[in-house]
Amino acid sequence: MADLKGIPVVLAKSGQKYVTQQGFTAIRDGVKAVHGGAALPVGRKPSWLRAPLAAGAAFEAVRGVVREHRLATVCEEAKCPNIGECWNAGTATLMLMGAVCTRACRFCAVDTGNPRGWLDQDEPANAARTVELMGLKYVVLTSVNRDDLPDGGAAHYAACIRAIKERCPATAVEALTPDFQGSTAAVETVVQSGLQVFAQNIETVRRLTHPVRDPRAGYEQTLAVLRHAKAMQPAVLTKSSLMLGLGETHTEIEECLGDLRAASVDIVTLGQYLRPTQNHLAVERFVTPAEFQELRAQALGLGFLECVAGPLVRSSYRAERALERNNAGLG
């Protein structure tokens, strides 16, 4: 099998190493295969976790635009269950700087490796054209972690945001960024580039940060990044996201929400962790819709502008509707 340029493409199974088209080694789905690991359970998900099938004319049109402009989307790479709903609505979250992450978080299905400084210099222009072609009023830009770059990719983020703003000045931009290893200079580069929302996901409660997240990530590091972003640009909304079902307690969730609010975070999203492959962390429990509603009420009581909460909610789910004060239309 070969790509459009005739370069051989090696198909690897989940957890196996392969060589990318750019010539560096990566691991499919982000974590190595676990010998003797328990298989994913079949038919045990509760009814509220059923998502619409990824099909339809609008879905195919969005996918065509993404393919044409060589853009990776977190919708595909992270196996998001909402891909059908979002793409059929004509929206998508664009993933910058390639599809290979330098980190290996145990919850994430994005491939991991060392891109060794590779960047697509055409990506800012391609991202701007894609936003224009799709007619987006609100776009979320996210990315893999790029610890191989001196600034973690902050300048590339800023270039993409400026290109979008130049071509589509009316489009609101949300940047869901890496933590840049806590670099305040990198955070400033992004937050001063003309965006409306700056997001960095804390992912889980303090106690479970490791082993859930890569060792280079950190609970306090994420809080510091969010706090600095708000201090630098108070008019920019800050946002973070928390996965539930990994073994956290209700008290720990409340503590995490309090820590985020103390860091002046404006918006928080809460969703159910779903295990992407048998090599990833297992789901400890399925959180009920009623509990999500209860947690949302608690978050609003702490002073968040909005808390989007539900079993299938992800950090960029219905992002453009986050300030409607109605759980982004979820009820």
C-alpha atoms as a PDB file:
ATOM      1  CA  MET A   1       0.000   0.000   0.000  1.00  0.00           C
ATOM      2  CA  ALA A   2       1.268   3.524  -0.809  1.00  0.00           C
ATOM      3  CA  ASP A   3       0.130   7.097  -0.256  1.00  0.00           C
ATOM      4  CA  LEU A   4      -0.616   9.646  -3.005  1.00  0.00           C
ATOM      5  CA  LYS A   5       3.107  10.335  -3.468  1.00  0.00           C
ATOM      6  CA  GLY A   6       3.949   6.674  -3.891  1.00  0.00           C
ATOM      7  CA  ILE A   7       5.601   6.370  -0.469  1.00  0.00           C
ATOM      8  CA  PRO A   8       5.002   2.929   1.089  1.00  0.00           C
ATOM      9  CA  VAL A   9       2.670   3.021   4.081  1.00  0.00           C
ATOM     10  CA  VAL A  10       3.217   0.355   6.734  1.00  0.00           C
ATOM     11  CA  LEU A  11       0.007  -0.688   8.454  1.00  0.00           C
ATOM     12  CA  ALA A  12       0.658  -1.396  12.126  1.00  0.00           C
ATOM     13  CA  LYS A  13      -1.650  -2.924  14.694  1.00  0.00           C
ATOM     14  CA  SER A  14      -2.532  -1.094  17.893  1.00  0.00           C
ATOM     15  CA  GLY A  15       0.499  -0.969  20.185  1.00  0.00           C
ATOM     16  CA  GLN A  16       3.019  -1.774  17.438  1.00  0.00           C
ATOM     17  CA  LYS A  17       5.861   0.401  16.158  1.00  0.00           C
ATOM     18  CA  TYR A  18       5.835   1.703  12.593  1.00  0.00           C
ATOM     19  CA  VAL A  19       7.716   4.235  10.470  1.00  0.00           C
ATOM     20  CA  THR A  20       5.814   7.398   9.518  1.00  0.00           C
ATOM     21  CA  GLN A  21       5.854   8.994   6.075  1.00  0.00           C
ATOM     22  CA  GLN A  22       8.262  11.587   7.495  1.00  0.00           C
ATOM     23  CA  GLY A  23      10.723   8.838   8.416  1.00  0.00           C
ATOM     24  CA  PHE A  24      10.513   8.663  12.209  1.00  0.00           C
ATOM     25  CA  THR A  25       9.283   5.813  14.408  1.00  0.00           C
ATOM     26  CA  ALA A  26       5.940   5.938  16.215  1.00  0.00           C
ATOM     27  CA  ILE A  27       3.662   3.595  18.176  1.00  0.00           C
ATOM     28  CA  ARG A  28       0.134   3.054  16.876  1.00  0.00           C
ATOM     29  CA  ASP A  29      -2.576   4.278  19.293  1.00  0.00           C
ATOM     30  CA  GLY A  30      -0.024   5.755  21.677  1.00  0.00           C
ATOM     31  CA  VAL A  31       0.846   2.876  24.037  1.00  0.00           C
ATOM     32  CA  LYS A  32       2.698  -0.373  23.562  1.00  0.00           C
ATOM     33  CA  ALA A  33       0.727  -3.602  23.406  1.00  0.00           C
ATOM     34  CA  VAL A  34       0.229  -5.254  26.784  1.00  0.00           C
ATOM     35  CA  HIS A  35       0.869  -8.992  26.677  1.00  0.00           C
ATOM     36  CA  GLY A  36      -2.003 -10.834  28.259  1.00  0.00           C
ATOM     37  CA  GLY A  37      -4.030  -7.653  28.658  1.00  0.00           C
ATOM     38  CA  ALA A  38      -7.735  -8.052  29.237  1.00  0.00           C
ATOM     39  CA  ALA A  39      -9.827  -7.637  26.095  1.00  0.00           C
ATOM     40  CA  LEU A  40     -12.304  -4.808  25.836  1.00  0.00           C
ATOM     41  CA  PRO A  41     -15.671  -5.840  27.275  1.00  0.00           C
ATOM     42  CA  VAL A  42     -18.413  -6.443  24.715  1.00  0.00           C
ATOM     43  CA  GLY A  43     -21.951  -5.142  25.111  1.00  0.00           C
ATOM     44  CA  ARG A  44     -21.448  -3.740  28.612  1.00  0.00           C
ATOM     45  CA  LYS A  45     -21.704  -0.014  27.986  1.00  0.00           C
ATOM     46  CA  PRO A  46     -24.854   1.606  29.392  1.00  0.00           C
ATOM     47  CA  SER A  47     -27.517   2.882  27.033  1.00  0.00           C
ATOM     48  CA  TRP A  48     -26.618   6.557  27.526  1.00  0.00           C
ATOM     49  CA  LEU A  49     -23.222   5.984  25.838  1.00  0.00           C
ATOM     50  CA  ARG A  50     -24.628   5.231  22.402  1.00  0.00           C
ATOM     51  CA  ALA A  51     -23.452   7.782  19.827  1.00  0.00           C
ATOM     52  CA  PRO A  52     -24.822   8.374  16.306  1.00  0.00           C
ATOM     53  CA  LEU A  53     -23.052   6.514  13.499  1.00  0.00           C
ATOM     54  CA  ALA A  54     -20.388   8.468  11.609  1.00  0.00           C
ATOM     55  CA  ALA A  55     -22.183   8.669   8.273  1.00  0.00           C
ATOM     56  CA  GLY A  56     -24.093  11.055   6.065  1.00  0.00           C
ATOM     57  CA  ALA A  57     -23.516  13.540   3.250  1.00  0.00           C
ATOM     58  CA  ALA A  58     -22.356  16.364   5.526  1.00  0.00           C
ATOM     59  CA  PHE A  59     -19.943  14.015   7.315  1.00  0.00           C
ATOM     60  CA  GLU A  60     -18.407  12.974   3.983  1.00  0.00           C
ATOM     61  CA  ALA A  61     -18.117  16.625   2.885  1.00  0.00           C
ATOM     62  CA  VAL A  62     -16.222  17.607   6.040  1.00  0.00           C
ATOM     63  CA  ARG A  63     -13.952  14.585   5.728  1.00  0.00           C
ATOM     64  CA  GLY A  64     -13.218  15.511   2.120  1.00  0.00           C
ATOM     65  CA  VAL A  65     -12.096  19.019   3.092  1.00  0.00           C
ATOM     66  CA  VAL A  66      -9.873  17.684   5.881  1.00  0.00           C
ATOM     67  CA  ARG A  67      -8.250  15.141   3.533  1.00  0.00           C
ATOM     68  CA  GLU A  68      -7.755  17.665   0.734  1.00  0.00           C
ATOM     69  CA  HIS A  69      -5.814  20.028   2.945  1.00  0.00           C
ATOM     70  CA  ARG A  70      -3.753  17.344   4.724  1.00  0.00           C
ATOM     71  CA  LEU A  71      -5.078  18.217   8.171  1.00  0.00           C
ATOM     72  CA  ALA A  72      -5.258  15.753  11.035  1.00  0.00           C
ATOM     73  CA  THR A  73      -8.317  16.066  13.268  1.00  0.00           C
ATOM     74  CA  VAL A  74      -8.577  15.063  16.875  1.00  0.00           C
ATOM     75  CA  CYS A  75     -12.019  13.722  15.934  1.00  0.00           C
ATOM     76  CA  GLU A  76     -10.335  10.884  14.021  1.00  0.00           C
ATOM     77  CA  GLU A  77      -7.014  10.482  15.818  1.00  0.00           C
ATOM     78  CA  ALA A  78      -8.528  10.308  19.305  1.00  0.00           C
ATOM     79  CA  LYS A  79     -11.469   8.134  18.167  1.00  0.00           C
ATOM     80  CA  CYS A  80     -14.001  10.663  19.472  1.00  0.00           C
ATOM     81  CA  PRO A  81     -17.493   9.154  19.802  1.00  0.00           C
ATOM     82  CA  ASN A  82     -19.079  12.434  18.659  1.00  0.00           C
ATOM     83  CA  ILE A  83     -17.421  12.539  15.234  1.00  0.00           C
ATOM     84  CA  GLY A  84     -20.661  11.779  13.394  1.00  0.00           C
ATOM     85  CA  GLU A  85     -22.707  14.387  15.254  1.00  0.00           C
ATOM     86  CA  CYS A  86     -20.100  17.148  14.944  1.00  0.00           C
ATOM     87  CA  TRP A  87     -19.058  16.535  11.345  1.00  0.00           C
ATOM     88  CA  ASN A  88     -22.664  16.243  10.195  1.00  0.00           C
ATOM     89  CA  ALA A  89     -23.172  19.675  11.777  1.00  0.00           C
ATOM     90  CA  GLY A  90     -20.334  20.981   9.566  1.00  0.00           C
ATOM     91  CA  THR A  91     -17.840  21.532  12.370  1.00  0.00           C
ATOM     92  CA  ALA A  92     -14.538  19.926  13.271  1.00  0.00           C
ATOM     93  CA  THR A  93     -11.622  20.318  15.633  1.00  0.00           C
ATOM     94  CA  LEU A  94      -8.368  20.638  13.695  1.00  0.00           C
ATOM     95  CA  MET A  95      -5.264  18.953  15.088  1.00  0.00           C
ATOM     96  CA  LEU A  96      -2.061  20.821  14.323  1.00  0.00           C
ATOM     97  CA  MET A  97       1.554  19.691  14.022  1.00  0.00           C
ATOM     98  CA  GLY A  98       0.887  16.193  12.769  1.00  0.00           C
ATOM     99  CA  ALA A  99      -0.689  13.077  14.196  1.00  0.00           C
ATOM    100  CA  VAL A 100       2.244  11.795  16.312  1.00  0.00           C
ATOM    101  CA  CYS A 101       2.597  12.966  19.931  1.00  0.00           C
ATOM    102  CA  THR A 102       5.835  12.999  21.915  1.00  0.00           C
ATOM    103  CA  ARG A 103       3.967  11.838  25.012  1.00  0.00           C
ATOM    104  CA  ALA A 104       2.232   8.582  25.872  1.00  0.00           C
ATOM    105  CA  CYS A 105      -0.707   9.231  28.172  1.00  0.00           C
ATOM    106  CA  ARG A 106      -2.430   6.007  29.192  1.00  0.00           C
ATOM    107  CA  PHE A 107      -5.910   7.231  28.223  1.00  0.00           C
ATOM    108  CA  CYS A 108      -5.133   8.590  24.764  1.00  0.00           C
ATOM    109  CA  ALA A 109      -5.204   6.800  21.385  1.00  0.00           C
ATOM    110  CA  VAL A 110      -3.076   9.321  19.469  1.00  0.00           C
ATOM    111  CA  ASP A 111       0.106   7.712  18.084  1.00  0.00           C
ATOM    112  CA  THR A 112       3.300   8.471  20.028  1.00  0.00           C
ATOM    113  CA  GLY A 113       6.872   9.002  18.840  1.00  0.00           C
ATOM    114  CA  ASN A 114       9.537  11.652  18.275  1.00  0.00           C
ATOM    115  CA  PRO A 115       8.886  13.791  15.158  1.00  0.00           C
ATOM    116  CA  ARG A 116      12.429  15.224  15.505  1.00  0.00           C
ATOM    117  CA  GLY A 117      11.420  18.782  14.697  1.00  0.00           C
ATOM    118  CA  TRP A 118       9.266  18.044  11.648  1.00  0.00           C
ATOM    119  CA  LEU A 119       6.555  20.626  10.911  1.00  0.00           C
ATOM    120  CA  ASP A 120       4.321  21.235   7.921  1.00  0.00           C
ATOM    121  CA  GLN A 121       5.131  24.836   7.006  1.00  0.00           C
ATOM    122  CA  ASP A 122       2.004  25.013   4.825  1.00  0.00           C
ATOM    123  CA  GLU A 123      -0.283  24.160   7.724  1.00  0.00           C
ATOM    124  CA  PRO A 124      -1.209  27.746   8.782  1.00  0.00           C
ATOM    125  CA  ALA A 125      -2.370  28.570   5.233  1.00  0.00           C
ATOM    126  CA  ASN A 126      -4.095  25.188   4.869  1.00  0.00           C
ATOM    127  CA  ALA A 127      -5.902  25.607   8.204  1.00  0.00           C
ATOM    128  CA  ALA A 128      -7.128  29.065   7.214  1.00  0.00           C
ATOM    129  CA  ARG A 129      -8.371  27.815   3.832  1.00  0.00           C
ATOM    130  CA  THR A 130     -10.164  24.921   5.493  1.00  0.00           C
ATOM    131  CA  VAL A 131     -11.923  27.199   7.970  1.00  0.00           C
ATOM    132  CA  GLU A 132     -12.985  29.420   5.070  1.00  0.00           C
ATOM    133  CA  LEU A 133     -14.197  26.518   2.920  1.00  0.00           C
ATOM    134  CA  MET A 134     -16.207  25.046   5.793  1.00  0.00           C
ATOM    135  CA  GLY A 135     -17.696  28.435   6.621  1.00  0.00           C
ATOM    136  CA  LEU A 136     -16.881  28.043  10.311  1.00  0.00           C
ATOM    137  CA  LYS A 137     -17.921  30.723  12.769  1.00  0.00           C
ATOM    138  CA  TYR A 138     -16.020  28.966  15.568  1.00  0.00           C
ATOM    139  CA  VAL A 139     -13.048  26.657  15.231  1.00  0.00           C
ATOM    140  CA  VAL A 140     -11.124  24.658  17.827  1.00  0.00           C
ATOM    141  CA  LEU A 141      -7.412  24.163  17.183  1.00  0.00           C
ATOM    142  CA  THR A 142      -5.727  21.446  19.174  1.00  0.00           C
ATOM    143  CA  SER A 143      -2.511  19.508  18.733  1.00  0.00           C
ATOM    144  CA  VAL A 144      -0.282  16.705  19.781  1.00  0.00           C
ATOM    145  CA  ASN A 145       2.417  17.501  22.345  1.00  0.00           C
ATOM    146  CA  ARG A 146       5.623  18.503  20.601  1.00  0.00           C
ATOM    147  CA  ASP A 147       8.320  18.344  23.276  1.00  0.00           C
ATOM    148  CA  ASP A 148      10.849  17.945  20.449  1.00  0.00           C
ATOM    149  CA  LEU A 149      10.386  21.628  19.520  1.00  0.00           C
ATOM    150  CA  PRO A 150      12.156  24.348  21.555  1.00  0.00           C
ATOM    151  CA  ASP A 151       8.894  26.228  22.180  1.00  0.00           C
ATOM    152  CA  GLY A 152       6.627  23.184  22.142  1.00  0.00           C
ATOM    153  CA  GLY A 153       5.033  24.451  18.943  1.00  0.00           C
ATOM    154  CA  ALA A 154       3.741  27.743  20.372  1.00  0.00           C
ATOM    155  CA  ALA A 155       4.940  29.838  17.428  1.00  0.00           C
ATOM    156  CA  HIS A 156       3.277  27.413  14.995  1.00  0.00           C
ATOM    157  CA  TYR A 157       0.018  27.672  16.949  1.00  0.00           C
ATOM    158  CA  ALA A 158       0.201  31.457  16.800  1.00  0.00           C
ATOM    159  CA  ALA A 159       0.918  31.373  13.060  1.00  0.00           C
ATOM    160  CA  CYS A 160      -2.159  29.215  12.457  1.00  0.00           C
ATOM    161  CA  ILE A 161      -4.375  31.496  14.558  1.00  0.00           C
ATOM    162  CA  ARG A 162      -3.119  34.625  12.782  1.00  0.00           C
ATOM    163  CA  ALA A 163      -3.631  33.005   9.364  1.00  0.00           C
ATOM    164  CA  ILE A 164      -7.212  32.080  10.249  1.00  0.00           C
ATOM    165  CA  LYS A 165      -7.927  35.541  11.615  1.00  0.00           C
ATOM    166  CA  GLU A 166      -6.479  37.197   8.518  1.00  0.00           C
ATOM    167  CA  ARG A 167      -8.579  35.075   6.161  1.00  0.00           C
ATOM    168  CA  CYS A 168     -11.688  34.776   8.344  1.00  0.00           C
ATOM    169  CA  PRO A 169     -11.703  37.738  10.754  1.00  0.00           C
ATOM    170  CA  ALA A 170     -15.207  36.961  12.026  1.00  0.00           C
ATOM    171  CA  THR A 171     -14.301  33.403  13.061  1.00  0.00           C
ATOM    172  CA  ALA A 172     -13.811  32.848  16.790  1.00  0.00           C
ATOM    173  CA  VAL A 173     -10.786  30.659  17.615  1.00  0.00           C
ATOM    174  CA  GLU A 174     -10.299  28.334  20.565  1.00  0.00           C
ATOM    175  CA  ALA A 175      -6.829  26.868  21.125  1.00  0.00           C
ATOM    176  CA  LEU A 176      -6.668  23.628  23.121  1.00  0.00           C
ATOM    177  CA  THR A 177      -2.916  23.538  23.619  1.00  0.00           C
ATOM    178  CA  PRO A 178      -0.206  21.359  25.130  1.00  0.00           C
ATOM    179  CA  ASP A 179       1.203  22.508  28.466  1.00  0.00           C
ATOM    180  CA  PHE A 180       4.466  23.625  26.776  1.00  0.00           C
ATOM    181  CA  GLN A 181       6.267  22.057  29.759  1.00  0.00           C
ATOM    182  CA  GLY A 182       5.099  25.027  31.796  1.00  0.00           C
ATOM    183  CA  SER A 183       6.871  27.650  29.662  1.00  0.00           C
ATOM    184  CA  THR A 184       5.267  31.028  30.355  1.00  0.00           C
ATOM    185  CA  ALA A 185       6.857  32.489  27.216  1.00  0.00           C
ATOM    186  CA  ALA A 186       5.195  29.807  25.072  1.00  0.00           C
ATOM    187  CA  VAL A 187       1.829  30.421  26.741  1.00  0.00           C
ATOM    188  CA  GLU A 188       2.166  34.159  26.054  1.00  0.00           C
ATOM    189  CA  THR A 189       2.975  33.508  22.389  1.00  0.00           C
ATOM    190  CA  VAL A 190      -0.327  31.697  21.926  1.00  0.00           C
ATOM    191  CA  VAL A 191      -2.584  33.773  24.150  1.00  0.00           C
ATOM    192  CA  GLN A 192      -1.463  37.014  22.468  1.00  0.00           C
ATOM    193  CA  SER A 193      -2.118  35.763  18.920  1.00  0.00           C
ATOM    194  CA  GLY A 194      -5.740  36.911  18.636  1.00  0.00           C
ATOM    195  CA  LEU A 195      -7.709  33.930  19.947  1.00  0.00           C
ATOM    196  CA  GLN A 196     -10.911  34.034  22.012  1.00  0.00           C
ATOM    197  CA  VAL A 197     -10.505  30.910  24.183  1.00  0.00           C
ATOM    198  CA  PHE A 198      -7.341  29.331  25.631  1.00  0.00           C
ATOM    199  CA  ALA A 199      -7.731  25.744  26.859  1.00  0.00           C
ATOM    200  CA  GLN A 200      -5.423  23.265  28.565  1.00  0.00           C
ATOM    201  CA  ASN A 201      -6.861  20.018  29.912  1.00  0.00           C
ATOM    202  CA  ILE A 202      -6.140  18.889  33.443  1.00  0.00           C
ATOM    203  CA  GLU A 203      -7.645  15.484  32.418  1.00  0.00           C
ATOM    204  CA  THR A 204      -7.982  13.893  35.875  1.00  0.00           C
ATOM    205  CA  VAL A 205      -7.806  14.554  39.607  1.00  0.00           C
ATOM    206  CA  ARG A 206      -4.552  15.220  41.439  1.00  0.00           C
ATOM    207  CA  ARG A 207      -4.107  11.685  42.832  1.00  0.00           C
ATOM    208  CA  LEU A 208      -4.580  10.010  39.441  1.00  0.00           C
ATOM    209  CA  THR A 209      -2.479  12.401  37.354  1.00  0.00           C
ATOM    210  CA  HIS A 210       0.173   9.699  37.200  1.00  0.00           C
ATOM    211  CA  PRO A 211      -0.215   7.060  35.789  1.00  0.00           C
ATOM    212  CA  VAL A 212      -3.149   8.506  33.760  1.00  0.00           C
ATOM    213  CA  ARG A 213      -1.008  11.246  32.179  1.00  0.00           C
ATOM    214  CA  ASP A 214       2.502  11.106  30.783  1.00  0.00           C
ATOM    215  CA  PRO A 215       5.238  11.775  33.414  1.00  0.00           C
ATOM    216  CA  ARG A 216       6.075  15.066  31.678  1.00  0.00           C
ATOM    217  CA  ALA A 217       2.553  16.353  32.348  1.00  0.00           C
ATOM    218  CA  GLY A 218       1.538  17.611  35.762  1.00  0.00           C
ATOM    219  CA  TYR A 219      -1.495  18.692  37.758  1.00  0.00           C
ATOM    220  CA  GLU A 220       0.155  21.837  39.117  1.00  0.00           C
ATOM    221  CA  GLN A 221       1.829  22.498  35.755  1.00  0.00           C
ATOM    222  CA  THR A 222      -1.549  22.625  33.998  1.00  0.00           C
ATOM    223  CA  LEU A 223      -2.993  24.904  36.689  1.00  0.00           C
ATOM    224  CA  ALA A 224       0.010  27.236  36.341  1.00  0.00           C
ATOM    225  CA  VAL A 225      -0.399  27.392  32.541  1.00  0.00           C
ATOM    226  CA  LEU A 226      -4.092  28.269  32.838  1.00  0.00           C
ATOM    227  CA  ARG A 227      -3.444  30.817  35.590  1.00  0.00           C
ATOM    228  CA  HIS A 228      -0.741  32.556  33.537  1.00  0.00           C
ATOM    229  CA  ALA A 229      -2.861  32.645  30.396  1.00  0.00           C
ATOM    230  CA  LYS A 230      -5.663  34.416  32.264  1.00  0.00           C
ATOM    231  CA  ALA A 231      -3.266  36.861  33.904  1.00  0.00           C
ATOM    232  CA  MET A 232      -1.712  37.773  30.551  1.00  0.00           C
ATOM    233  CA  GLN A 233      -5.023  38.297  28.710  1.00  0.00           C
ATOM    234  CA  PRO A 234      -7.977  38.664  31.126  1.00  0.00           C
ATOM    235  CA  ALA A 235     -10.414  39.122  28.208  1.00  0.00           C
ATOM    236  CA  VAL A 236      -9.525  35.685  26.813  1.00  0.00           C
ATOM    237  CA  LEU A 237     -11.683  32.898  28.232  1.00  0.00           C
ATOM    238  CA  THR A 238      -9.807  29.994  29.816  1.00  0.00           C
ATOM    239  CA  LYS A 239     -11.068  26.433  29.752  1.00  0.00           C
ATOM    240  CA  SER A 240     -10.147  22.949  30.982  1.00  0.00           C
ATOM    241  CA  SER A 241     -11.560  19.432  30.887  1.00  0.00           C
ATOM    242  CA  LEU A 242     -11.858  16.504  33.259  1.00  0.00           C
ATOM    243  CA  MET A 243     -12.468  12.824  32.417  1.00  0.00           C
ATOM    244  CA  LEU A 244     -14.497  10.766  34.897  1.00  0.00           C
ATOM    245  CA  GLY A 245     -14.630   7.032  35.471  1.00  0.00           C
ATOM    246  CA  LEU A 246     -10.929   6.423  36.169  1.00  0.00           C
ATOM    247  CA  GLY A 247     -11.325   5.743  39.882  1.00  0.00           C
ATOM    248  CA  GLU A 248     -11.654   9.281  41.215  1.00  0.00           C
ATOM    249  CA  THR A 249     -13.899  10.043  44.189  1.00  0.00           C
ATOM    250  CA  HIS A 250     -16.602  12.698  44.351  1.00  0.00           C
ATOM    251  CA  THR A 251     -14.501  14.627  46.879  1.00  0.00           C
ATOM    252  CA  GLU A 252     -11.530  14.569  44.517  1.00  0.00           C
ATOM    253  CA  ILE A 253     -13.657  15.898  41.652  1.00  0.00           C
ATOM    254  CA  GLU A 254     -14.870  18.739  43.862  1.00  0.00           C
ATOM    255  CA  GLU A 255     -11.260  19.509  44.854  1.00  0.00           C
ATOM    256  CA  CYS A 256     -10.188  19.594  41.211  1.00  0.00           C
ATOM    257  CA  LEU A 257     -13.045  21.904  40.262  1.00  0.00           C
ATOM    258  CA  GLY A 258     -12.064  24.177  43.139  1.00  0.00           C
ATOM    259  CA  ASP A 259      -8.430  24.214  42.004  1.00  0.00           C
ATOM    260  CA  LEU A 260      -9.442  25.112  38.446  1.00  0.00           C
ATOM    261  CA  ARG A 261     -11.685  27.915  39.632  1.00  0.00           C
ATOM    262  CA  ALA A 262      -8.915  29.215  41.921  1.00  0.00           C
ATOM    263  CA  ALA A 263      -6.755  29.418  38.785  1.00  0.00           C
ATOM    264  CA  SER A 264      -9.444  31.695  37.243  1.00  0.00           C
ATOM    265  CA  VAL A 265     -10.622  29.093  34.719  1.00  0.00           C
ATOM    266  CA  ASP A 266     -13.877  30.253  33.133  1.00  0.00           C
ATOM    267  CA  ILE A 267     -15.284  27.090  31.500  1.00  0.00           C
ATOM    268  CA  VAL A 268     -14.919  23.419  32.417  1.00  0.00           C
ATOM    269  CA  THR A 269     -16.155  20.292  30.649  1.00  0.00           C
ATOM    270  CA  LEU A 270     -16.836  16.924  32.272  1.00  0.00           C
ATOM    271  CA  GLY A 271     -17.132  13.683  30.312  1.00  0.00           C
ATOM    272  CA  GLN A 272     -16.910   9.913  30.640  1.00  0.00           C
ATOM    273  CA  TYR A 273     -13.549   8.234  29.990  1.00  0.00           C
ATOM    274  CA  LEU A 274     -13.906   5.523  27.350  1.00  0.00           C
ATOM    275  CA  ARG A 275     -11.095   3.034  26.898  1.00  0.00           C
ATOM    276  CA  PRO A 276      -9.885   3.276  23.272  1.00  0.00           C
ATOM    277  CA  THR A 277      -8.022  -0.073  23.108  1.00  0.00           C
ATOM    278  CA  GLN A 278      -7.291  -3.013  25.416  1.00  0.00           C
ATOM    279  CA  ASN A 279      -3.794  -1.585  25.948  1.00  0.00           C
ATOM    280  CA  HIS A 280      -5.159   1.564  27.603  1.00  0.00           C
ATOM    281  CA  LEU A 281      -6.409   2.126  31.149  1.00  0.00           C
ATOM    282  CA  ALA A 282      -9.604   0.315  32.000  1.00  0.00           C
ATOM    283  CA  VAL A 283     -12.850   2.119  32.839  1.00  0.00           C
ATOM    284  CA  GLU A 284     -13.431   1.885  36.582  1.00  0.00           C
ATOM    285  CA  ARG A 285     -17.073   2.988  36.440  1.00  0.00           C
ATOM    286  CA  PHE A 286     -19.683   4.559  34.190  1.00  0.00           C
ATOM    287  CA  VAL A 287     -20.900   7.882  35.556  1.00  0.00           C
ATOM    288  CA  THR A 288     -24.657   8.375  35.250  1.00  0.00           C
ATOM    289  CA  PRO A 289     -26.264  11.359  33.487  1.00  0.00           C
ATOM    290  CA  ALA A 290     -27.798  12.354  36.820  1.00  0.00           C
ATOM    291  CA  GLU A 291     -24.374  12.565  38.455  1.00  0.00           C
ATOM    292  CA  PHE A 292     -23.073  14.683  35.585  1.00  0.00           C
ATOM    293  CA  GLN A 293     -25.995  17.080  36.130  1.00  0.00           C
ATOM    294  CA  GLU A 294     -25.211  17.226  39.847  1.00  0.00           C
ATOM    295  CA  LEU A 295     -21.554  17.987  39.193  1.00  0.00           C
ATOM    296  CA  ARG A 296     -22.500  20.666  36.674  1.00  0.00           C
ATOM    297  CA  ALA A 297     -24.646  22.381  39.292  1.00  0.00           C
ATOM    298  CA  GLN A 298     -21.761  22.264  41.762  1.00  0.00           C
ATOM    299  CA  ALA A 299     -19.360  23.730  39.199  1.00  0.00           C
ATOM    300  CA  LEU A 300     -21.740  26.584  38.398  1.00  0.00           C
ATOM    301  CA  GLY A 301     -22.023  27.197  42.133  1.00  0.00           C
ATOM    302  CA  LEU A 302     -18.245  27.668  42.267  1.00  0.00           C
ATOM    303  CA  GLY A 303     -18.501  30.480  39.722  1.00  0.00           C
ATOM    304  CA  PHE A 304     -17.654  28.876  36.369  1.00  0.00           C
ATOM    305  CA  LEU A 305     -19.317  30.686  33.474  1.00  0.00           C
ATOM    306  CA  GLU A 306     -20.418  27.273  32.200  1.00  0.00           C
ATOM    307  CA  CYS A 307     -19.817  23.608  32.876  1.00  0.00           C
ATOM    308  CA  VAL A 308     -20.635  21.357  29.917  1.00  0.00           C
ATOM    309  CA  ALA A 309     -21.226  17.937  31.455  1.00  0.00           C
ATOM    310  CA  GLY A 310     -22.446  14.610  30.094  1.00  0.00           C
ATOM    311  CA  PRO A 311     -21.340  11.058  29.310  1.00  0.00           C
ATOM    312  CA  LEU A 312     -20.223  11.797  25.727  1.00  0.00           C
ATOM    313  CA  VAL A 313     -18.919  15.311  26.353  1.00  0.00           C
ATOM    314  CA  ARG A 314     -15.346  15.980  25.232  1.00  0.00           C
ATOM    315  CA  SER A 315     -13.322  19.166  25.726  1.00  0.00           C
ATOM    316  CA  SER A 316     -14.307  20.674  22.373  1.00  0.00           C
ATOM    317  CA  TYR A 317     -17.851  19.264  22.213  1.00  0.00           C
ATOM    318  CA  ARG A 318     -20.298  22.007  21.140  1.00  0.00           C
ATOM    319  CA  ALA A 319     -17.582  24.505  22.048  1.00  0.00           C
ATOM    320  CA  GLU A 320     -19.280  27.368  20.225  1.00  0.00           C
ATOM    321  CA  ARG A 321     -22.377  26.917  22.420  1.00  0.00           C
ATOM    322  CA  ALA A 322     -20.623  26.805  25.782  1.00  0.00           C
ATOM    323  CA  LEU A 323     -21.911  30.178  26.974  1.00  0.00           C
ATOM    324  CA  GLU A 324     -25.605  29.557  26.313  1.00  0.00           C
ATOM    325  CA  ARG A 325     -26.065  28.547  29.970  1.00  0.00           C
ATOM    326  CA  ASN A 326     -28.002  25.408  28.986  1.00  0.00           C
ATOM    327  CA  ASN A 327     -25.312  22.696  29.153  1.00  0.00           C
ATOM    328  CA  ALA A 328     -24.570  23.357  25.455  1.00  0.00           C
ATOM    329  CA  GLY A 329     -28.048  22.164  24.553  1.00  0.00           C
ATOM    330  CA  LEU A 330     -27.754  18.820  26.323  1.00  0.00           C
ATOM    331  CA  GLY A 331     -30.590  19.633  28.707  1.00  0.00           C
END
